[in-house]
């Protein structure tokens, strides 16, 4: 079953980005979808024309769930 990234009503500029590898970049941004404020972590790639395009790889969570996501990242860092 293919997972499709939801369409976004309104997206904002990335607040953070880092290279995942030579071809991919992970971007963190805020958006609004059906009235909900979301934090979006999405993988972007460049097409042949050099334009950055989002992939289906990523995670979108409600802004109010960011503390739980931070706790999960902290747990991963502690276990690494």
C-alpha atoms as a PDB file:
ATOM      1  CA  UNK A   1       0.000   0.000   0.000  1.00  0.00           C
ATOM      2  CA  UNK A   2       1.519   3.330  -1.060  1.00  0.00           C
ATOM      3  CA  UNK A   3       1.591   6.180   1.417  1.00  0.00           C
ATOM      4  CA  UNK A   4       0.885   9.564  -0.107  1.00  0.00           C
ATOM      5  CA  UNK A   5       1.867  12.797   1.613  1.00  0.00           C
ATOM      6  CA  UNK A   6      -1.250  14.879   2.336  1.00  0.00           C
ATOM      7  CA  UNK A   7      -1.799  17.988   0.298  1.00  0.00           C
ATOM      8  CA  UNK A   8      -1.090  21.091   2.294  1.00  0.00           C
ATOM      9  CA  UNK A   9      -3.427  24.047   2.444  1.00  0.00           C
ATOM     10  CA  UNK A  10      -0.617  26.435   3.305  1.00  0.00           C
ATOM     11  CA  UNK A  11       3.098  25.710   3.665  1.00  0.00           C
ATOM     12  CA  UNK A  12       5.742  27.995   5.104  1.00  0.00           C
ATOM     13  CA  UNK A  13       9.447  28.289   4.354  1.00  0.00           C
ATOM     14  CA  UNK A  14      11.662  25.647   5.992  1.00  0.00           C
ATOM     15  CA  UNK A  15      12.898  26.523   9.471  1.00  0.00           C
ATOM     16  CA  UNK A  16      15.707  23.953   9.345  1.00  0.00           C
ATOM     17  CA  UNK A  17      17.340  21.709   6.744  1.00  0.00           C
ATOM     18  CA  UNK A  18      20.187  19.210   6.600  1.00  0.00           C
ATOM     19  CA  UNK A  19      21.726  16.929   3.974  1.00  0.00           C
ATOM     20  CA  UNK A  20      20.654  13.322   4.340  1.00  0.00           C
ATOM     21  CA  UNK A  21      23.050  12.166   1.622  1.00  0.00           C
ATOM     22  CA  UNK A  22      24.448  13.408  -1.707  1.00  0.00           C
ATOM     23  CA  UNK A  23      21.003  13.438  -3.369  1.00  0.00           C
ATOM     24  CA  UNK A  24      18.538  14.110  -0.533  1.00  0.00           C
ATOM     25  CA  UNK A  25      17.849  16.904   1.940  1.00  0.00           C
ATOM     26  CA  UNK A  26      15.575  16.788   5.006  1.00  0.00           C
ATOM     27  CA  UNK A  27      13.581  19.958   5.625  1.00  0.00           C
ATOM     28  CA  UNK A  28      11.615  20.957   8.706  1.00  0.00           C
ATOM     29  CA  UNK A  29       8.738  23.344   8.121  1.00  0.00           C
ATOM     30  CA  UNK A  30       5.385  24.416   9.482  1.00  0.00           C
ATOM     31  CA  UNK A  31       2.161  24.139   7.527  1.00  0.00           C
ATOM     32  CA  UNK A  32      -1.589  24.266   7.859  1.00  0.00           C
ATOM     33  CA  UNK A  33      -3.762  21.367   6.696  1.00  0.00           C
ATOM     34  CA  UNK A  34      -7.545  21.484   7.052  1.00  0.00           C
ATOM     35  CA  UNK A  35      -7.183  24.047   9.817  1.00  0.00           C
ATOM     36  CA  UNK A  36      -4.542  22.118  11.778  1.00  0.00           C
ATOM     37  CA  UNK A  37      -1.041  23.498  12.381  1.00  0.00           C
ATOM     38  CA  UNK A  38       1.496  20.835  11.474  1.00  0.00           C
ATOM     39  CA  UNK A  39       5.228  20.366  11.846  1.00  0.00           C
ATOM     40  CA  UNK A  40       6.531  18.607   8.759  1.00  0.00           C
ATOM     41  CA  UNK A  41       9.833  16.751   8.327  1.00  0.00           C
ATOM     42  CA  UNK A  42      10.133  15.858   4.651  1.00  0.00           C
ATOM     43  CA  UNK A  43      12.812  14.484   2.336  1.00  0.00           C
ATOM     44  CA  UNK A  44      13.441  16.564  -0.800  1.00  0.00           C
ATOM     45  CA  UNK A  45      15.328  15.596  -3.958  1.00  0.00           C
ATOM     46  CA  UNK A  46      16.428  17.580  -6.996  1.00  0.00           C
ATOM     47  CA  UNK A  47      14.885  16.847 -10.376  1.00  0.00           C
ATOM     48  CA  UNK A  48      16.820  17.049 -13.667  1.00  0.00           C
ATOM     49  CA  UNK A  49      16.093  20.791 -13.906  1.00  0.00           C
ATOM     50  CA  UNK A  50      17.619  21.408 -10.468  1.00  0.00           C
ATOM     51  CA  UNK A  51      14.290  22.077  -8.717  1.00  0.00           C
ATOM     52  CA  UNK A  52      13.804  20.708  -5.203  1.00  0.00           C
ATOM     53  CA  UNK A  53      10.746  18.501  -4.989  1.00  0.00           C
ATOM     54  CA  UNK A  54       9.236  16.823  -1.916  1.00  0.00           C
ATOM     55  CA  UNK A  55       9.060  13.049  -1.713  1.00  0.00           C
ATOM     56  CA  UNK A  56       6.511  10.917   0.118  1.00  0.00           C
ATOM     57  CA  UNK A  57       9.188  10.172   2.727  1.00  0.00           C
ATOM     58  CA  UNK A  58       8.517  12.210   5.821  1.00  0.00           C
ATOM     59  CA  UNK A  59       6.497  12.833   8.919  1.00  0.00           C
ATOM     60  CA  UNK A  60       3.837  15.394   9.753  1.00  0.00           C
ATOM     61  CA  UNK A  61       2.648  15.864  13.333  1.00  0.00           C
ATOM     62  CA  UNK A  62       0.402  18.400  14.977  1.00  0.00           C
ATOM     63  CA  UNK A  63       2.367  21.267  16.506  1.00  0.00           C
ATOM     64  CA  UNK A  64       0.998  20.394  19.953  1.00  0.00           C
ATOM     65  CA  UNK A  65       2.621  16.932  19.588  1.00  0.00           C
ATOM     66  CA  UNK A  66       6.128  18.377  19.068  1.00  0.00           C
ATOM     67  CA  UNK A  67       7.112  17.849  22.749  1.00  0.00           C
ATOM     68  CA  UNK A  68       6.394  14.109  22.353  1.00  0.00           C
ATOM     69  CA  UNK A  69       8.453  14.048  19.152  1.00  0.00           C
ATOM     70  CA  UNK A  70      11.295  15.817  20.977  1.00  0.00           C
ATOM     71  CA  UNK A  71      11.078  13.163  23.739  1.00  0.00           C
ATOM     72  CA  UNK A  72      11.331  10.432  21.079  1.00  0.00           C
ATOM     73  CA  UNK A  73      14.424  12.089  19.543  1.00  0.00           C
ATOM     74  CA  UNK A  74      15.977  12.498  22.997  1.00  0.00           C
ATOM     75  CA  UNK A  75      15.379   8.781  23.677  1.00  0.00           C
ATOM     76  CA  UNK A  76      17.009   7.883  20.352  1.00  0.00           C
ATOM     77  CA  UNK A  77      20.027  10.061  21.148  1.00  0.00           C
ATOM     78  CA  UNK A  78      20.375   8.493  24.577  1.00  0.00           C
ATOM     79  CA  UNK A  79      20.188   4.974  23.101  1.00  0.00           C
ATOM     80  CA  UNK A  80      22.648   5.676  20.265  1.00  0.00           C
END
